[in-house]
Structures are given as structure tokens and as C-alpha cells.
Protein backbone atom coordinates (compact mmCIF):
# COMPACT_ATOMS: atom_id res chain seq x y z
CA MET A 1 93.70 118.08 97.39
CA ARG A 2 94.60 118.46 93.60
CA ARG A 3 92.82 116.09 91.84
CA LEU A 4 94.95 114.40 88.94
CA ARG A 5 91.59 114.11 86.51
CA ASN A 6 89.30 116.62 85.35
CA VAL A 7 85.90 114.24 85.51
CA LYS A 8 84.27 114.41 88.68
CA ILE A 9 82.88 111.96 91.02
CA VAL A 10 79.79 112.04 92.99
CA ALA A 11 79.40 109.37 95.85
CA THR A 12 76.38 108.97 97.68
CA LEU A 13 76.49 108.78 101.62
CA GLY A 14 74.49 106.41 103.66
CA PRO A 15 74.67 103.44 106.35
CA SER A 16 77.97 102.79 104.52
CA SER A 17 79.44 106.03 104.88
CA SER A 18 77.73 108.26 107.90
CA ASP A 19 80.64 109.00 110.59
CA TYR A 20 83.49 111.74 110.04
CA GLU A 21 86.03 108.88 109.16
CA SER A 22 84.37 107.04 106.55
CA ILE A 23 82.91 110.22 104.42
CA LYS A 24 86.31 111.78 105.06
CA ALA A 25 88.10 108.54 103.79
CA LEU A 26 85.58 109.21 100.45
CA PHE A 27 86.70 112.63 100.02
CA VAL A 28 90.70 111.52 100.14
CA ALA A 29 90.14 108.60 97.74
CA GLY A 30 88.72 111.11 95.21
CA ALA A 31 84.91 112.22 95.92
CA ASP A 32 84.12 115.93 94.65
CA VAL A 33 80.35 115.54 95.54
CA PHE A 34 78.41 113.99 98.07
CA ARG A 35 75.14 113.13 96.83
CA LEU A 36 72.38 113.11 99.89
CA ASN A 37 69.68 110.39 98.82
CA MET A 38 66.27 111.94 100.58
CA SER A 39 64.28 108.56 99.49
CA HIS A 40 66.44 107.15 102.39
CA GLY A 41 67.44 108.15 106.10
CA THR A 42 65.97 110.76 108.16
CA HIS A 43 66.73 114.34 107.93
CA ASP A 44 68.77 114.51 111.16
CA GLU A 45 70.59 112.01 109.60
CA HIS A 46 70.95 114.21 106.61
CA ARG A 47 71.55 117.17 108.82
CA ALA A 48 74.65 115.18 110.65
CA ARG A 49 75.93 114.37 107.15
CA HIS A 50 76.00 117.93 106.55
CA ALA A 51 77.95 118.89 108.77
CA ILE A 52 80.38 116.37 108.29
CA ILE A 53 81.34 117.82 104.62
CA ARG A 54 81.31 121.26 105.89
CA LYS A 55 83.66 120.50 108.53
CA LEU A 56 85.80 118.83 106.20
CA GLU A 57 85.73 121.45 103.63
CA THR A 58 87.13 124.00 106.61
CA GLU A 59 89.68 121.26 107.19
CA PHE A 60 91.22 120.78 103.67
CA SER A 61 90.47 124.49 102.21
CA ARG A 62 88.37 123.07 99.50
CA PRO A 63 84.60 123.83 98.17
CA ILE A 64 82.65 120.33 98.41
CA ALA A 65 79.13 120.31 96.88
CA ILE A 66 76.47 118.77 98.61
CA LEU A 67 73.49 117.25 96.43
CA ALA A 68 70.11 116.47 97.61
CA ASP A 69 68.42 113.99 95.57
CA LEU A 70 64.18 114.30 96.15
CA GLN A 71 62.41 110.90 96.05
CA GLY A 72 60.07 112.25 93.09
CA PRO A 73 56.59 110.49 93.12
CA LYS A 74 56.64 106.70 93.61
CA LEU A 75 54.06 104.55 91.87
CA ARG A 76 53.23 101.25 93.66
CA VAL A 77 51.12 98.34 93.74
CA GLY A 78 48.89 97.78 97.14
CA THR A 79 49.12 94.52 98.66
CA PHE A 80 48.52 90.55 98.13
CA ALA A 81 46.54 88.60 100.33
CA ALA A 82 49.26 85.72 99.93
CA GLY A 83 52.17 88.46 100.24
CA ALA A 84 52.99 87.62 96.57
CA VAL A 85 51.67 85.63 93.46
CA GLU A 86 52.92 84.46 90.24
CA LEU A 87 52.01 85.88 86.71
CA LYS A 88 52.31 84.02 83.61
CA GLU A 89 52.56 84.86 80.05
CA GLY A 90 49.33 85.22 78.74
CA ASP A 91 47.20 85.64 82.20
CA ALA A 92 44.45 88.20 82.43
CA PHE A 93 45.04 90.59 85.33
CA ARG A 94 43.15 93.60 86.42
CA PHE A 95 44.08 96.82 88.13
CA ASP A 96 41.70 98.61 90.24
CA LEU A 97 40.91 101.58 92.92
CA GLU A 98 39.48 98.61 95.77
CA ASP A 99 41.13 98.72 98.93
CA VAL A 100 41.20 94.84 99.05
CA PRO A 101 44.18 92.75 98.80
CA GLY A 102 45.31 91.18 95.48
CA THR A 103 45.11 87.96 94.42
CA ASN A 104 46.54 86.32 90.96
CA GLN A 105 43.85 87.61 89.26
CA ARG A 106 43.77 91.77 90.73
CA ALA A 107 45.78 93.97 92.40
CA ARG A 108 44.96 97.22 93.97
CA LEU A 109 46.49 100.46 92.10
CA PRO A 110 46.26 103.75 94.38
CA HIS A 111 46.61 105.71 91.78
CA PRO A 112 43.50 107.07 89.79
CA GLU A 113 46.35 109.49 87.71
CA ILE A 114 47.38 106.64 85.88
CA PHE A 115 43.82 105.46 85.03
CA ALA A 116 43.35 108.45 83.78
CA ALA A 117 46.15 108.81 80.96
CA LEU A 118 46.18 105.20 80.27
CA GLU A 119 44.72 103.79 76.83
CA PRO A 120 44.41 100.21 75.32
CA GLY A 121 47.63 99.23 74.11
CA SER A 122 49.67 101.27 77.21
CA GLU A 123 52.23 99.37 79.19
CA LEU A 124 52.55 98.86 82.82
CA LEU A 125 55.74 97.77 84.20
CA VAL A 126 56.07 96.36 87.52
CA ASN A 127 59.02 95.75 89.51
CA ASP A 128 61.82 97.56 87.56
CA GLY A 129 60.04 96.11 84.16
CA LYS A 130 60.40 92.67 85.23
CA ILE A 131 56.65 92.09 84.68
CA ARG A 132 55.03 93.74 81.80
CA LEU A 133 51.30 94.03 80.83
CA ARG A 134 49.66 95.25 78.35
CA VAL A 135 46.32 97.50 78.94
CA GLU A 136 43.46 96.07 76.50
CA ASP A 137 40.26 98.04 78.24
CA CYS A 138 40.24 100.91 80.83
CA GLY A 139 38.15 103.21 82.89
CA ALA A 140 38.33 106.01 85.45
CA ASP A 141 39.15 103.08 88.03
CA TYR A 142 40.57 100.00 86.29
CA ALA A 143 42.65 98.75 83.66
CA ASN A 144 41.75 95.09 82.13
CA CYS A 145 45.44 93.57 81.00
CA THR A 146 47.26 90.87 79.68
CA VAL A 147 50.75 89.57 80.75
CA THR A 148 53.08 89.91 78.16
CA VAL A 149 56.01 88.92 80.58
CA GLY A 150 55.79 86.56 83.73
CA GLY A 151 56.82 86.86 87.03
CA THR A 152 56.70 87.30 90.61
CA ILE A 153 54.57 90.10 91.96
CA SER A 154 54.40 91.31 95.88
CA ASP A 155 53.78 94.00 98.04
CA ARG A 156 54.24 97.70 97.24
CA LYS A 157 56.30 96.76 94.00
CA GLY A 158 56.79 99.68 91.66
CA VAL A 159 54.78 100.53 88.69
CA ASN A 160 56.36 102.40 85.63
CA VAL A 161 54.59 103.83 82.63
CA PRO A 162 56.68 104.46 79.95
CA ASP A 163 54.27 105.66 76.56
CA VAL A 164 52.12 108.19 78.37
CA VAL A 165 53.06 111.01 80.48
CA LEU A 166 51.66 110.84 83.63
CA PRO A 167 49.37 114.08 85.23
CA VAL A 168 51.39 113.41 88.46
CA ALA A 169 53.17 116.29 90.01
CA ALA A 170 57.50 116.09 89.98
CA LEU A 171 57.18 117.12 93.10
CA SER A 172 54.84 114.96 96.35
CA ASP A 173 54.42 116.46 99.62
CA LYS A 174 57.04 114.46 100.96
CA ASP A 175 59.45 116.25 98.47
CA ARG A 176 58.45 119.79 99.06
CA LYS A 177 59.21 119.27 102.52
CA ASP A 178 62.41 117.69 101.60
CA LEU A 179 63.19 120.17 99.28
CA GLU A 180 62.58 123.29 101.85
CA PHE A 181 64.76 120.93 104.64
CA ALA A 182 67.77 120.79 102.31
CA CYS A 183 67.60 124.34 100.95
CA GLU A 184 67.52 125.55 104.86
CA MET A 185 70.12 123.28 105.67
CA GLY A 186 72.14 124.60 102.73
CA VAL A 187 73.02 122.27 100.16
CA ASP A 188 74.50 123.21 96.60
CA TRP A 189 72.25 121.05 94.12
CA LEU A 190 68.88 119.89 94.25
CA ALA A 191 68.15 116.56 91.69
CA LEU A 192 64.72 116.27 90.90
CA SER A 193 63.41 112.68 89.59
CA PHE A 194 61.20 111.52 87.00
CA VAL A 195 60.81 114.94 85.67
CA GLN A 196 58.16 114.53 82.69
CA ARG A 197 58.49 118.61 81.15
CA PRO A 198 60.28 121.84 81.94
CA GLU A 199 57.22 122.67 83.85
CA ASP A 200 58.46 120.41 86.59
CA VAL A 201 62.04 122.26 86.57
CA ILE A 202 60.56 125.84 86.68
CA GLU A 203 58.14 124.80 89.83
CA ALA A 204 61.42 123.59 91.68
CA ARG A 205 63.42 126.47 91.15
CA GLU A 206 60.09 128.87 92.29
CA LEU A 207 60.14 126.80 95.38
CA ALA A 208 64.16 126.81 95.89
CA LYS A 209 64.57 130.73 95.41
CA GLY A 210 67.96 130.50 93.97
CA ARG A 211 69.46 128.42 97.55
CA ALA A 212 70.43 125.48 95.18
CA ALA A 213 71.11 125.23 91.79
CA ILE A 214 68.44 122.77 89.82
CA LEU A 215 69.48 119.60 88.63
CA SER A 216 66.91 117.39 86.26
CA LYS A 217 67.25 113.51 86.37
CA ILE A 218 66.44 111.92 83.06
CA GLU A 219 64.68 108.65 83.74
CA LYS A 220 61.53 108.65 81.59
CA PRO A 221 61.19 108.40 77.74
CA SER A 222 58.49 111.82 77.87
CA ALA A 223 61.79 114.01 79.58
CA VAL A 224 64.13 112.33 76.07
CA ARG A 225 61.23 113.58 73.85
CA CYS A 226 61.63 117.26 75.57
CA PHE A 227 64.84 117.33 76.54
CA ASP A 228 65.95 120.57 75.17
CA ASP A 229 63.11 122.48 76.81
CA ILE A 230 64.17 120.75 79.91
CA LEU A 231 67.69 121.39 79.48
CA ALA A 232 66.75 125.24 78.90
CA VAL A 233 65.04 125.67 82.51
CA SER A 234 67.93 123.26 84.48
CA ASP A 235 71.40 123.86 85.57
CA GLY A 236 72.35 120.69 85.11
CA VAL A 237 71.18 117.16 84.31
CA MET A 238 71.86 113.67 85.58
CA VAL A 239 71.48 110.55 83.17
CA ALA A 240 69.59 108.11 85.75
CA ARG A 241 69.76 105.25 83.68
CA GLY A 242 68.07 103.17 85.82
CA ASP A 243 64.40 103.89 85.21
CA LEU A 244 65.68 105.27 81.84
CA GLY A 245 66.54 101.56 81.06
CA VAL A 246 63.71 100.11 82.40
CA GLU A 247 61.06 102.21 80.66
CA LEU A 248 62.99 102.27 77.28
CA PRO A 249 64.66 99.29 75.48
CA VAL A 250 67.87 98.66 76.77
CA GLN A 251 69.62 99.08 73.67
CA ALA A 252 68.40 102.55 73.53
CA VAL A 253 70.38 104.06 76.99
CA PRO A 254 73.40 103.90 75.22
CA PRO A 255 72.82 106.43 72.01
CA ILE A 256 70.54 108.65 74.21
CA GLN A 257 73.18 108.83 76.96
CA LYS A 258 75.81 110.03 74.12
CA GLN A 259 73.29 112.43 72.69
CA LEU A 260 72.18 114.12 76.03
CA ILE A 261 75.82 114.50 77.32
CA ARG A 262 76.90 116.25 73.86
CA LYS A 263 73.83 118.78 74.21
CA CYS A 264 74.52 119.34 77.72
CA ARG A 265 78.01 119.97 77.30
CA ALA A 266 77.28 122.46 73.93
CA ALA A 267 74.89 124.14 76.72
CA ALA A 268 77.61 124.68 79.11
CA LYS A 269 75.49 122.96 81.94
CA PRO A 270 77.57 120.15 83.77
CA VAL A 271 76.24 116.32 83.16
CA ILE A 272 76.48 113.41 85.64
CA VAL A 273 75.89 109.72 84.35
CA ALA A 274 74.30 107.49 86.89
CA THR A 275 73.12 104.41 88.04
CA GLN A 276 74.72 100.76 88.39
CA MET A 277 78.12 102.12 87.46
CA LEU A 278 80.17 99.62 89.78
CA GLU A 279 77.10 97.83 90.70
CA SER A 280 79.69 94.46 91.93
CA MET A 281 81.28 96.32 94.36
CA ILE A 282 78.59 96.74 96.36
CA GLU A 283 79.46 92.92 97.51
CA SER A 284 82.89 92.69 96.14
CA PRO A 285 86.08 94.91 96.23
CA MET A 286 86.69 94.35 92.37
CA PRO A 287 84.88 95.50 89.93
CA THR A 288 83.76 93.60 86.73
CA ARG A 289 85.93 94.50 83.43
CA ALA A 290 82.44 95.45 81.87
CA GLU A 291 81.47 98.17 84.43
CA VAL A 292 85.19 99.50 84.34
CA SER A 293 84.41 99.95 80.54
CA ASP A 294 81.48 101.81 81.47
CA VAL A 295 82.51 104.05 83.71
CA ALA A 296 85.15 104.71 81.01
CA THR A 297 82.72 105.31 78.25
CA ALA A 298 80.92 108.09 80.30
CA ILE A 299 84.16 109.61 80.36
CA TYR A 300 85.41 109.36 76.68
CA GLU A 301 82.16 110.66 76.16
CA GLY A 302 82.66 113.90 77.87
CA ALA A 303 80.84 113.72 80.70
CA ASP A 304 81.43 116.29 83.85
CA ALA A 305 81.07 113.66 86.43
CA VAL A 306 80.25 109.88 87.17
CA MET A 307 78.17 108.96 90.00
CA LEU A 308 78.01 105.92 92.92
CA SER A 309 74.97 105.00 94.35
CA ALA A 310 74.76 102.01 96.62
CA GLU A 311 78.28 101.53 96.19
CA SER A 312 79.28 104.17 98.50
CA ALA A 313 75.95 104.55 100.38
CA ALA A 314 75.46 101.10 101.37
CA GLY A 315 77.97 98.72 99.85
CA ARG A 316 80.83 97.02 101.72
CA TYR A 317 83.65 98.38 99.82
CA PRO A 318 83.00 102.14 99.91
CA VAL A 319 86.27 103.71 99.28
CA GLU A 320 87.68 100.83 97.12
CA ALA A 321 84.55 102.25 94.81
CA VAL A 322 85.27 105.89 94.49
CA GLU A 323 89.62 104.72 94.12
CA THR A 324 88.83 102.45 91.25
CA MET A 325 86.54 105.24 89.87
CA ASN A 326 89.10 107.48 90.43
CA ASN A 327 92.12 105.09 89.03
CA VAL A 328 89.91 104.60 85.73
CA ALA A 329 89.51 108.26 85.00
CA ILE A 330 93.19 109.19 85.51
CA SER A 331 93.79 106.35 83.15
CA VAL A 332 91.12 107.40 80.57
CA GLU A 333 92.20 110.96 80.42
CA LYS A 334 96.08 109.89 79.88
CA ASP A 335 94.94 108.30 76.55
CA PRO A 336 95.56 110.03 73.76
CA ILE A 337 92.52 108.58 72.07
CA TYR A 338 90.49 110.55 74.81
CA ARG A 339 91.70 113.89 73.92
CA GLU A 340 90.98 113.27 70.13
CA VAL A 341 87.76 112.33 70.97
CA ILE A 342 86.99 115.24 73.38
CA GLU A 343 88.48 117.70 70.75
CA ALA A 344 86.41 116.52 67.94
CA SER A 345 83.05 116.77 69.48
CA ARG A 346 83.57 120.33 70.51
CA ASN A 347 80.34 121.98 68.87
CA ALA A 348 79.59 125.05 71.05
CA ASP A 349 77.55 127.93 69.40
CA ARG A 350 79.48 130.96 70.03
CA GLN A 351 77.77 134.11 70.00
CA THR A 352 78.59 136.34 73.00
CA VAL A 353 82.02 138.10 74.32
CA ALA A 354 82.43 135.60 76.76
CA ASP A 355 82.21 132.69 74.56
CA GLY A 356 85.08 134.49 72.46
CA ILE A 357 86.74 135.06 75.74
CA VAL A 358 86.91 131.76 76.62
CA ALA A 359 87.49 130.08 73.45
CA ALA A 360 90.76 132.42 73.12
CA ALA A 361 92.17 131.08 75.88
CA ARG A 362 91.73 127.52 75.02
CA GLU A 363 93.31 128.17 71.71
CA ILE A 364 96.18 130.04 73.55
CA ALA A 365 96.77 127.63 76.22
CA GLU A 366 96.97 124.76 73.54
CA THR A 367 99.33 126.98 71.28
CA THR A 368 101.65 128.17 73.86
CA ASP A 369 103.47 127.71 76.94
CA ILE A 370 100.34 127.90 79.61
CA ALA A 371 100.21 126.17 82.83
CA ALA A 372 96.51 127.07 83.79
CA ILE A 373 93.43 129.09 82.71
CA CYS A 374 92.53 131.49 85.86
CA ALA A 375 88.72 132.62 85.64
CA TYR A 376 87.31 135.05 87.95
CA THR A 377 83.49 134.33 87.91
CA GLN A 378 80.41 135.73 90.38
CA SER A 379 77.83 133.19 89.01
CA GLY A 380 79.95 130.27 87.73
CA LYS A 381 79.14 131.02 83.94
CA THR A 382 82.51 132.00 82.94
CA VAL A 383 83.88 128.99 83.89
CA ALA A 384 81.68 126.76 82.88
CA LEU A 385 81.98 128.02 79.38
CA THR A 386 85.40 127.40 79.79
CA ALA A 387 85.19 123.88 80.62
CA ARG A 388 82.79 123.71 77.51
CA GLU A 389 85.84 124.21 75.65
CA ARG A 390 87.45 121.30 77.79
CA PRO A 391 90.94 122.56 77.61
CA ARG A 392 94.26 120.67 77.96
CA VAL A 393 95.33 122.83 80.81
CA PRO A 394 93.75 123.08 84.29
CA ILE A 395 90.91 125.46 84.54
CA ILE A 396 91.07 127.67 87.97
CA ALA A 397 87.76 128.95 89.45
CA LEU A 398 88.36 132.02 91.76
CA SER A 399 85.17 134.02 93.20
CA PRO A 400 84.55 135.63 96.23
CA ILE A 401 81.14 133.54 96.66
CA ASP A 402 81.30 130.39 98.29
CA ALA A 403 77.86 128.95 96.48
CA THR A 404 79.17 129.72 93.68
CA LEU A 405 82.49 127.78 93.99
CA ARG A 406 80.89 124.85 95.36
CA ARG A 407 78.54 124.36 92.47
CA MET A 408 80.96 124.67 90.35
CA THR A 409 82.96 121.43 91.94
CA LEU A 410 80.66 119.62 89.57
CA THR A 411 82.08 120.75 86.59
CA TRP A 412 84.36 119.35 84.49
CA GLY A 413 88.01 120.09 85.10
CA VAL A 414 87.30 122.85 87.62
CA HIS A 415 89.44 123.75 90.66
CA ALA A 416 87.84 126.07 92.89
CA VAL A 417 89.53 128.52 94.82
CA HIS A 418 87.87 131.24 97.22
CA CYS A 419 89.21 134.77 96.82
CA GLY A 420 87.89 138.20 98.21
CA GLU A 421 86.38 141.04 96.02
CA LEU A 422 88.17 142.45 93.30
CA GLU A 423 88.90 146.38 92.77
CA ARG A 424 91.94 146.29 89.97
CA PHE A 425 92.54 143.86 87.41
CA LYS A 426 96.20 143.69 88.80
CA GLN A 427 94.41 142.10 92.12
CA ALA A 428 93.04 139.39 89.97
CA VAL A 429 96.47 138.15 87.88
CA VAL A 430 98.53 138.57 91.47
CA ASN A 431 95.35 136.16 93.33
CA ALA A 432 95.58 133.84 90.09
CA ALA A 433 99.08 133.46 90.13
CA ARG A 434 99.21 132.99 93.97
CA ALA A 435 96.35 130.09 93.32
CA ALA A 436 98.22 128.20 90.67
CA ARG A 437 101.79 128.32 92.63
CA ASP A 438 99.80 127.05 95.70
CA PHE A 439 97.99 124.45 94.24
CA GLY A 440 100.69 122.84 92.57
CA PHE A 441 99.64 123.83 88.60
CA ALA A 442 102.77 126.11 87.81
CA ASP A 443 105.77 127.43 89.44
CA GLU A 444 107.42 131.17 89.08
CA THR A 445 108.97 130.35 85.76
CA GLN A 446 105.60 129.23 83.94
CA GLN A 447 102.88 131.59 82.59
CA ILE A 448 98.77 131.86 83.08
CA ILE A 449 96.12 133.13 81.44
CA VAL A 450 93.49 135.35 83.46
CA THR A 451 90.22 135.90 82.45
CA ALA A 452 87.64 138.58 84.43
CA GLY A 453 85.16 141.34 83.57
CA VAL A 454 85.36 144.82 84.15
CA PRO A 455 83.66 146.19 86.03
CA PHE A 456 84.24 143.63 88.89
CA ASN A 457 81.78 141.92 90.98
CA VAL A 458 79.00 141.97 88.52
CA GLN A 459 77.66 138.92 87.10
CA GLY A 460 77.89 138.71 83.13
CA THR A 461 80.87 140.69 82.16
CA THR A 462 83.63 138.71 80.95
CA ASN A 463 85.60 140.77 78.60
CA ILE A 464 89.44 140.72 79.76
CA LEU A 465 92.36 138.02 78.71
CA ARG A 466 95.47 138.25 79.99
CA VAL A 467 98.68 136.06 79.61
CA ALA A 468 100.53 136.95 82.57
CA PRO A 469 103.78 135.29 84.42
CA CYS A 470 103.13 133.65 87.74
CA ASP A 471 105.94 135.32 89.31
CA GLU A 472 104.65 138.22 91.53
CA ARG A 473 107.63 140.27 90.92
CA LEU A 474 107.41 140.61 87.16
CA ILE A 475 103.16 141.17 87.35
CA TYR A 476 104.27 144.30 89.27
CA ARG A 477 106.94 145.28 87.03
CA THR A 478 104.96 144.98 84.10
CA ASP A 479 101.96 146.25 85.57
CA PRO A 480 102.22 148.62 88.13
CA GLU A 481 98.76 149.87 88.35
């Protein structure tokens, strides 16, 4: 199951992709990571999907990552006596805490934390920004507003508050229960929704207790403003352009996407670009040209992964959506301009021995006839540093730790392979050569680069680089010990 591309594909599971055959079809079509959206479905449904993925992992002898996406705090208006009302530009409208059905003049907003953070001039967005209101005056239990963009407001529509940091915990009671369930089940990544500050990530990390890696979803302006601090405490990032495009001017999202991808790559942390990438394929077997260009742009920018949401979870053509993404990725990565862009954006700040080892591995691979870079790792850090270099040859990650291998399947260019613990460097070279041959990355006439650390099986000790033949007879002849 060798992929013919470096960028990874994340596919969300749902009603359209819940049984063994449909999930297997998504994997065969190109899905590398499966997302369980905790906003939808029961724990029993997610547990069944998890079991199917692990069965496929055994069947194909290939690690597969599972990402549990927590819902996050949902801010919504109350109900309306008529079910829906029409608001016109210039209308006065009031939000308050009264538990009374709404009218065309007021509605319940059952979130005192919002009123605590509002100031005159703040903006409230309803129904994905379709309705916009400006706060004129406010107090602890009300906000008198003017409608600046009208539309139909109806029961329990979502509310966004883009220009203030809300005193709202990133993890609701539901999220805490879902987090514990996901960790006990054995997911590999936890995605945190509506992160506003690094403390939100730290709280989730403490609850996860090392059982899953933490991925921060960037979908609020406050997260963009303190992104460097959030990135420092995160294991990965998702550029979630849905809410980000609601709370920021839409023209601001593309440059922000590019900036966040660059920063993640410099930090050697995987970054996913998500939301509405092939939206039309929910109903159509063919994407629009604009959607194909959108996917291609994320790949040209150096994203580790691109994601399908409703397209694979609830759409009519989930497998076709994955195939489309796979084909776009292969086409882009064959383009000589792709390589020019990727190499021009290489901006690593190299300070450690491991930094130097992986940079040297990439340089040797690009100036000599090398088939693959094979990296032994305990935590996955060395492989992440290697991927940051975006080498022209495949990256084979070898580890005895299944959790490490699964998490690395989200990282650009990585083919993860299980191996036993090592006692001597010759074992590392032999195992790397076998993996390169078995998975079709090299034959016996070719050479590979092997990186590892001594002492073996200890995190953070990468200090060896060797150019080795793929022919085991030559390995034993040149390294009898």
C-alpha cells in the first residue's frame, strides 16, 4: 500500500462511511488518517468505526492514524415563537438571558459569558455570519444591537463573537467525556475546536496524559493573534477555514493559511488544511475547478495533509472524493514548480545534532543516487525533522512503538514501518534495507540513508547517519559487527 504522493489525506467518517466495506474503500482510494467527528454520532458508533480501522490496519500491515475531533463550546441563540423571523438592516435587536421565545425584536442568548466579554462596537455573527449585528450598549445580561446585515434568524442558530476573547473553556463537559472516551478507546490524535489561547491546549494535554497527540484547530482570530504560543504547546495544527472565514474577512484567510503552514513546517509539526475543500462532491461526482485549485494550493504551500469533512462523512460520493484528492496530489507533486516552491520555502532554524543529521541526509540524498531516507525513531521527532526538510526521496520511518508509527502517518512523506527494538546499528541497517525493498522503495542495486541514535531505544539521541546498500550481503560484508 505504498502511496505515490507525499501529502496525506484525512477522511471524516459518518453515515456514508460507517461499515467495513466503505471504510476499506476509502483507505484503498488513498485515505491515510480517519477523523471521528465527536459533534455527531454516539460513542458506540465511534467505537465500531475504530474497531474497523484497526482491523484494516492488521489486514494491510500498515499503521493508520485515528483523529478524534472534539466539538468544543457551541454558542447558540434560543428558540423563536414563530420558529424564524426576518431581520432587516438597520433594525434594533436585543439579546438577553430571559427564557422566553424570541421575536423580531429580541431573542434569548443563553451564554452570560458572552455578555461579560462584549463592549459597545463588538460584532455578533449569527448563522455562519449570514446575519451581523453591532453592539450599541450592553450589560451583564443583555446586549442592544443594530442589524448591519439582515437575514432570517431561526431556532438555535450558532453565534460567533470574532473580536473578543471569550471567557469560555475550550473543553465543555461533553468534550471532557468525549476526550476520556477517545483516549481509552485508543485514538492517536485529539483535535481541539475553538482554541483561543495556549492554556486551552495545556488543559487538554493534562487530561490526555500522553495517550494521544494534541492538534489545535485554528478557527478564531484570537488563535491567529497568539498562534506562536499555541503552536509551541501543540503537537500539530489544523487550519479550520470554516469558522475562520466567518470571523475574519474572507480575503484574509488565504494569506493566514500560508503563514500558518510556513510556521508549522519550521517547527516540524504537521499541519492539516481543512473545510470545504471538495464541497460540491457532497452531491456531485465531479468537483469544481475552483475546488481542485484550492486543494492544489494547499499542497503547493507545503501542508502535511488535506482533509475531507462532509464529502466523505455524509456525501453521495465519498470514495470519489478521496480519489480526486489523491489524483490532485499526485499531479501537483509531479510538477517541477512544486519542487521549486517547496525548496524555496525551506526555513528551518537548525540548532541540534538531530537538525544537522537530517539536513545532511537530505543534502546527500539530493546530490547522490539515494533511493530513500530511513529513520529510526522512538518519539517520531527525528522523522518530523526529516519531513521538515521535504527531501526529494521517500522517508521510511521505523519504530517498535505502534503509537508513534500511527501518529507519524499524518506527517508529510512518511511511510511508517514497524520493527523490533535494536541492540546494534547493523540491525538498523539490515531492517531499513529490508523495509525499502519490501515496500518497493529500492532494489538490491540501490543505496539508502539510515539515521539512528546511540544508545538505541532512547528518545532524543539521533547522532548517526550512514549511506548503506540495500543488498544484505554487502551490509554484512562491510559491517560484520
